[in-house]
Amino acid sequence: MAIRAIITVLCGVGLYASLFMLSKSRRASRGEIEGPSVVKSPRAHLFGVPNSLVGALYYPSVAVAVWCAQGRAATAVLLAATLFAAATSAVLAYSLLFITRRACPYCWSSHAVNWCLLLLCWSLFLPHVLNRGG
């Protein structure tokens, strides 16, 4: 129960960061942000939509799934989603450090949340998926 609560809080942090960056992305698309910004980078739209929009949908989904997911298939989908998010965060973190070279505390917060969600969800659900209990 405690791990699920921690995951839910982390999803809240990730959602806050995503909504903040989504707002910034919308302002940038209207030309309201002058100068360089990570939301103006091509890497801010990896899947044709702002990454922040993906996060705004992802974090509430994970928060609900950790409380409601039942069965091996549902938990396997949750684990795959957290793995994909953590891997995407690794690519974006590399980009922040070595390509765009921009400080973005909201980005780093989301990356840290994604890596923590990976570890916590996998520790909580992997035994169930492997049918060892849990």
C-alpha atoms as a PDB file:
ATOM      1  CA  MET A   1       0.000   0.000   0.000  1.00  0.00           C
ATOM      2  CA  ALA A   2       2.838   2.439   0.839  1.00  0.00           C
ATOM      3  CA  ILE A   3       4.549   1.879  -2.515  1.00  0.00           C
ATOM      4  CA  ARG A   4       1.288   2.582  -4.340  1.00  0.00           C
ATOM      5  CA  ALA A   5       0.868   5.809  -2.367  1.00  0.00           C
ATOM      6  CA  ILE A   6       4.441   6.871  -3.199  1.00  0.00           C
ATOM      7  CA  ILE A   7       3.807   6.114  -6.872  1.00  0.00           C
ATOM      8  CA  THR A   8       0.644   8.209  -6.743  1.00  0.00           C
ATOM      9  CA  VAL A   9       2.501  11.157  -5.205  1.00  0.00           C
ATOM     10  CA  LEU A  10       5.242  10.857  -7.826  1.00  0.00           C
ATOM     11  CA  CYS A  11       2.589  10.866 -10.543  1.00  0.00           C
ATOM     12  CA  GLY A  12       1.238  14.083  -9.033  1.00  0.00           C
ATOM     13  CA  VAL A  13       4.693  15.658  -9.250  1.00  0.00           C
ATOM     14  CA  GLY A  14       5.075  14.481 -12.844  1.00  0.00           C
ATOM     15  CA  LEU A  15       1.614  15.775 -13.729  1.00  0.00           C
ATOM     16  CA  TYR A  16       2.389  19.196 -12.261  1.00  0.00           C
ATOM     17  CA  ALA A  17       5.630  19.428 -14.260  1.00  0.00           C
ATOM     18  CA  SER A  18       3.861  18.261 -17.425  1.00  0.00           C
ATOM     19  CA  LEU A  19       1.034  20.773 -17.074  1.00  0.00           C
ATOM     20  CA  PHE A  20       3.495  23.592 -16.431  1.00  0.00           C
ATOM     21  CA  MET A  21       5.533  22.681 -19.512  1.00  0.00           C
ATOM     22  CA  LEU A  22       2.371  22.158 -21.596  1.00  0.00           C
ATOM     23  CA  SER A  23       1.299  25.685 -20.752  1.00  0.00           C
ATOM     24  CA  LYS A  24       4.748  26.950 -21.695  1.00  0.00           C
ATOM     25  CA  SER A  25       4.634  24.972 -24.935  1.00  0.00           C
ATOM     26  CA  ARG A  26       1.280  26.526 -25.846  1.00  0.00           C
ATOM     27  CA  ARG A  27       2.636  29.997 -25.093  1.00  0.00           C
ATOM     28  CA  ALA A  28       5.665  29.262 -27.283  1.00  0.00           C
ATOM     29  CA  SER A  29       3.463  28.110 -30.163  1.00  0.00           C
ATOM     30  CA  ARG A  30       1.633  31.467 -29.966  1.00  0.00           C
ATOM     31  CA  GLY A  31       4.977  33.303 -30.068  1.00  0.00           C
ATOM     32  CA  GLU A  32       4.696  34.505 -26.486  1.00  0.00           C
ATOM     33  CA  ILE A  33       8.075  33.163 -25.352  1.00  0.00           C
ATOM     34  CA  GLU A  34      11.096  35.074 -26.557  1.00  0.00           C
ATOM     35  CA  GLY A  35      14.554  33.623 -26.763  1.00  0.00           C
ATOM     36  CA  PRO A  36      15.633  30.012 -26.567  1.00  0.00           C
ATOM     37  CA  SER A  37      13.604  27.472 -24.621  1.00  0.00           C
ATOM     38  CA  VAL A  38      13.491  23.700 -24.404  1.00  0.00           C
ATOM     39  CA  VAL A  39       9.850  23.802 -25.543  1.00  0.00           C
ATOM     40  CA  LYS A  40      11.036  25.277 -28.855  1.00  0.00           C
ATOM     41  CA  SER A  41      13.414  22.359 -29.441  1.00  0.00           C
ATOM     42  CA  PRO A  42      12.458  19.625 -31.924  1.00  0.00           C
ATOM     43  CA  ARG A  43      12.990  17.182 -29.054  1.00  0.00           C
ATOM     44  CA  ALA A  44      10.025  18.740 -27.233  1.00  0.00           C
ATOM     45  CA  HIS A  45       7.729  16.975 -29.730  1.00  0.00           C
ATOM     46  CA  LEU A  46       9.029  13.423 -30.059  1.00  0.00           C
ATOM     47  CA  PHE A  47       5.704  11.901 -31.122  1.00  0.00           C
ATOM     48  CA  GLY A  48       4.202  14.774 -33.083  1.00  0.00           C
ATOM     49  CA  VAL A  49       2.630  16.310 -29.990  1.00  0.00           C
ATOM     50  CA  PRO A  50       4.293  18.110 -27.105  1.00  0.00           C
ATOM     51  CA  ASN A  51       6.044  15.679 -24.771  1.00  0.00           C
ATOM     52  CA  SER A  52       4.302  17.522 -21.953  1.00  0.00           C
ATOM     53  CA  LEU A  53       0.906  16.500 -23.364  1.00  0.00           C
ATOM     54  CA  VAL A  54       2.016  12.877 -23.356  1.00  0.00           C
ATOM     55  CA  GLY A  55       3.080  13.319 -19.711  1.00  0.00           C
ATOM     56  CA  ALA A  56      -0.220  14.990 -18.817  1.00  0.00           C
ATOM     57  CA  LEU A  57      -1.987  11.840 -20.025  1.00  0.00           C
ATOM     58  CA  TYR A  58       0.614   9.340 -18.799  1.00  0.00           C
ATOM     59  CA  TYR A  59       0.925  10.311 -15.127  1.00  0.00           C
ATOM     60  CA  PRO A  60      -2.787  10.142 -14.228  1.00  0.00           C
ATOM     61  CA  SER A  61      -3.009   6.841 -16.124  1.00  0.00           C
ATOM     62  CA  VAL A  62      -0.181   5.347 -14.084  1.00  0.00           C
ATOM     63  CA  ALA A  63      -1.678   6.685 -10.840  1.00  0.00           C
ATOM     64  CA  VAL A  64      -4.979   4.974 -11.617  1.00  0.00           C
ATOM     65  CA  ALA A  65      -3.352   1.805 -12.943  1.00  0.00           C
ATOM     66  CA  VAL A  66      -1.286   1.130  -9.812  1.00  0.00           C
ATOM     67  CA  TRP A  67      -4.515   0.989  -7.801  1.00  0.00           C
ATOM     68  CA  CYS A  68      -6.786  -0.684 -10.364  1.00  0.00           C
ATOM     69  CA  ALA A  69      -4.683  -2.877 -12.662  1.00  0.00           C
ATOM     70  CA  GLN A  70      -5.457  -6.534 -12.205  1.00  0.00           C
ATOM     71  CA  GLY A  71      -4.186  -9.507 -14.086  1.00  0.00           C
ATOM     72  CA  ARG A  72      -0.958 -10.219 -15.844  1.00  0.00           C
ATOM     73  CA  ALA A  73      -1.853  -8.408 -19.065  1.00  0.00           C
ATOM     74  CA  ALA A  74      -2.788  -5.124 -17.371  1.00  0.00           C
ATOM     75  CA  THR A  75       0.286  -5.113 -15.175  1.00  0.00           C
ATOM     76  CA  ALA A  76       2.493  -6.037 -18.140  1.00  0.00           C
ATOM     77  CA  VAL A  77       1.140  -3.009 -20.031  1.00  0.00           C
ATOM     78  CA  LEU A  78       1.859  -0.807 -17.008  1.00  0.00           C
ATOM     79  CA  LEU A  79       5.416  -2.116 -16.782  1.00  0.00           C
ATOM     80  CA  ALA A  80       5.963  -1.627 -20.514  1.00  0.00           C
ATOM     81  CA  ALA A  81       4.678   1.959 -20.254  1.00  0.00           C
ATOM     82  CA  THR A  82       7.008   2.781 -17.355  1.00  0.00           C
ATOM     83  CA  LEU A  83       9.952   1.230 -19.201  1.00  0.00           C
ATOM     84  CA  PHE A  84       9.165   3.240 -22.331  1.00  0.00           C
ATOM     85  CA  ALA A  85       8.791   6.473 -20.320  1.00  0.00           C
ATOM     86  CA  ALA A  86      12.072   5.892 -18.480  1.00  0.00           C
ATOM     87  CA  ALA A  87      13.898   5.118 -21.731  1.00  0.00           C
ATOM     88  CA  THR A  88      12.444   8.231 -23.359  1.00  0.00           C
ATOM     89  CA  SER A  89      13.576  10.238 -20.341  1.00  0.00           C
ATOM     90  CA  ALA A  90      17.087   8.879 -20.767  1.00  0.00           C
ATOM     91  CA  VAL A  91      17.153  10.097 -24.377  1.00  0.00           C
ATOM     92  CA  LEU A  92      15.756  13.503 -23.408  1.00  0.00           C
ATOM     93  CA  ALA A  93      18.156  13.824 -20.471  1.00  0.00           C
ATOM     94  CA  TYR A  94      21.057  13.123 -22.812  1.00  0.00           C
ATOM     95  CA  SER A  95      19.691  15.830 -25.098  1.00  0.00           C
ATOM     96  CA  LEU A  96      19.453  18.345 -22.243  1.00  0.00           C
ATOM     97  CA  LEU A  97      23.008  17.655 -21.175  1.00  0.00           C
ATOM     98  CA  PHE A  98      24.802  17.363 -24.491  1.00  0.00           C
ATOM     99  CA  ILE A  99      22.682  18.789 -27.319  1.00  0.00           C
ATOM    100  CA  THR A 100      20.407  21.607 -26.177  1.00  0.00           C
ATOM    101  CA  ARG A 101      22.554  22.291 -23.090  1.00  0.00           C
ATOM    102  CA  ARG A 102      19.699  24.007 -21.321  1.00  0.00           C
ATOM    103  CA  ALA A 103      18.709  23.970 -17.690  1.00  0.00           C
ATOM    104  CA  CYS A 104      15.133  22.794 -17.214  1.00  0.00           C
ATOM    105  CA  PRO A 105      14.179  21.876 -13.648  1.00  0.00           C
ATOM    106  CA  TYR A 106      10.707  20.767 -14.771  1.00  0.00           C
ATOM    107  CA  CYS A 107      12.251  18.434 -17.347  1.00  0.00           C
ATOM    108  CA  TRP A 108      14.655  16.980 -14.805  1.00  0.00           C
ATOM    109  CA  SER A 109      11.828  16.554 -12.308  1.00  0.00           C
ATOM    110  CA  SER A 110       9.871  14.558 -14.876  1.00  0.00           C
ATOM    111  CA  HIS A 111      12.898  12.450 -15.748  1.00  0.00           C
ATOM    112  CA  ALA A 112      13.549  11.668 -12.079  1.00  0.00           C
ATOM    113  CA  VAL A 113       9.884  10.790 -11.583  1.00  0.00           C
ATOM    114  CA  ASN A 114       9.958   8.479 -14.620  1.00  0.00           C
ATOM    115  CA  TRP A 115      13.042   6.658 -13.356  1.00  0.00           C
ATOM    116  CA  CYS A 116      11.535   6.289  -9.873  1.00  0.00           C
ATOM    117  CA  LEU A 117       8.243   5.051 -11.337  1.00  0.00           C
ATOM    118  CA  LEU A 118      10.146   2.447 -13.314  1.00  0.00           C
ATOM    119  CA  LEU A 119      11.885   1.139 -10.214  1.00  0.00           C
ATOM    120  CA  LEU A 120       8.822   1.224  -7.970  1.00  0.00           C
ATOM    121  CA  CYS A 121       6.338  -0.212 -10.446  1.00  0.00           C
ATOM    122  CA  TRP A 122       8.695  -2.951 -11.474  1.00  0.00           C
ATOM    123  CA  SER A 123       9.423  -3.901  -7.869  1.00  0.00           C
ATOM    124  CA  LEU A 124       5.696  -3.927  -7.119  1.00  0.00           C
ATOM    125  CA  PHE A 125       4.315  -5.645 -10.217  1.00  0.00           C
ATOM    126  CA  LEU A 126       7.036  -7.743 -11.838  1.00  0.00           C
ATOM    127  CA  PRO A 127       6.540 -10.672  -9.444  1.00  0.00           C
ATOM    128  CA  HIS A 128       2.836 -10.685 -10.386  1.00  0.00           C
ATOM    129  CA  VAL A 129       3.583 -10.650 -14.101  1.00  0.00           C
ATOM    130  CA  LEU A 130       6.047 -13.490 -13.646  1.00  0.00           C
ATOM    131  CA  ASN A 131       3.324 -15.304 -11.689  1.00  0.00           C
ATOM    132  CA  ARG A 132       5.328 -15.517  -8.490  1.00  0.00           C
ATOM    133  CA  GLY A 133       2.727 -13.801  -6.365  1.00  0.00           C
ATOM    134  CA  GLY A 134       2.347 -10.115  -5.532  1.00  0.00           C
END
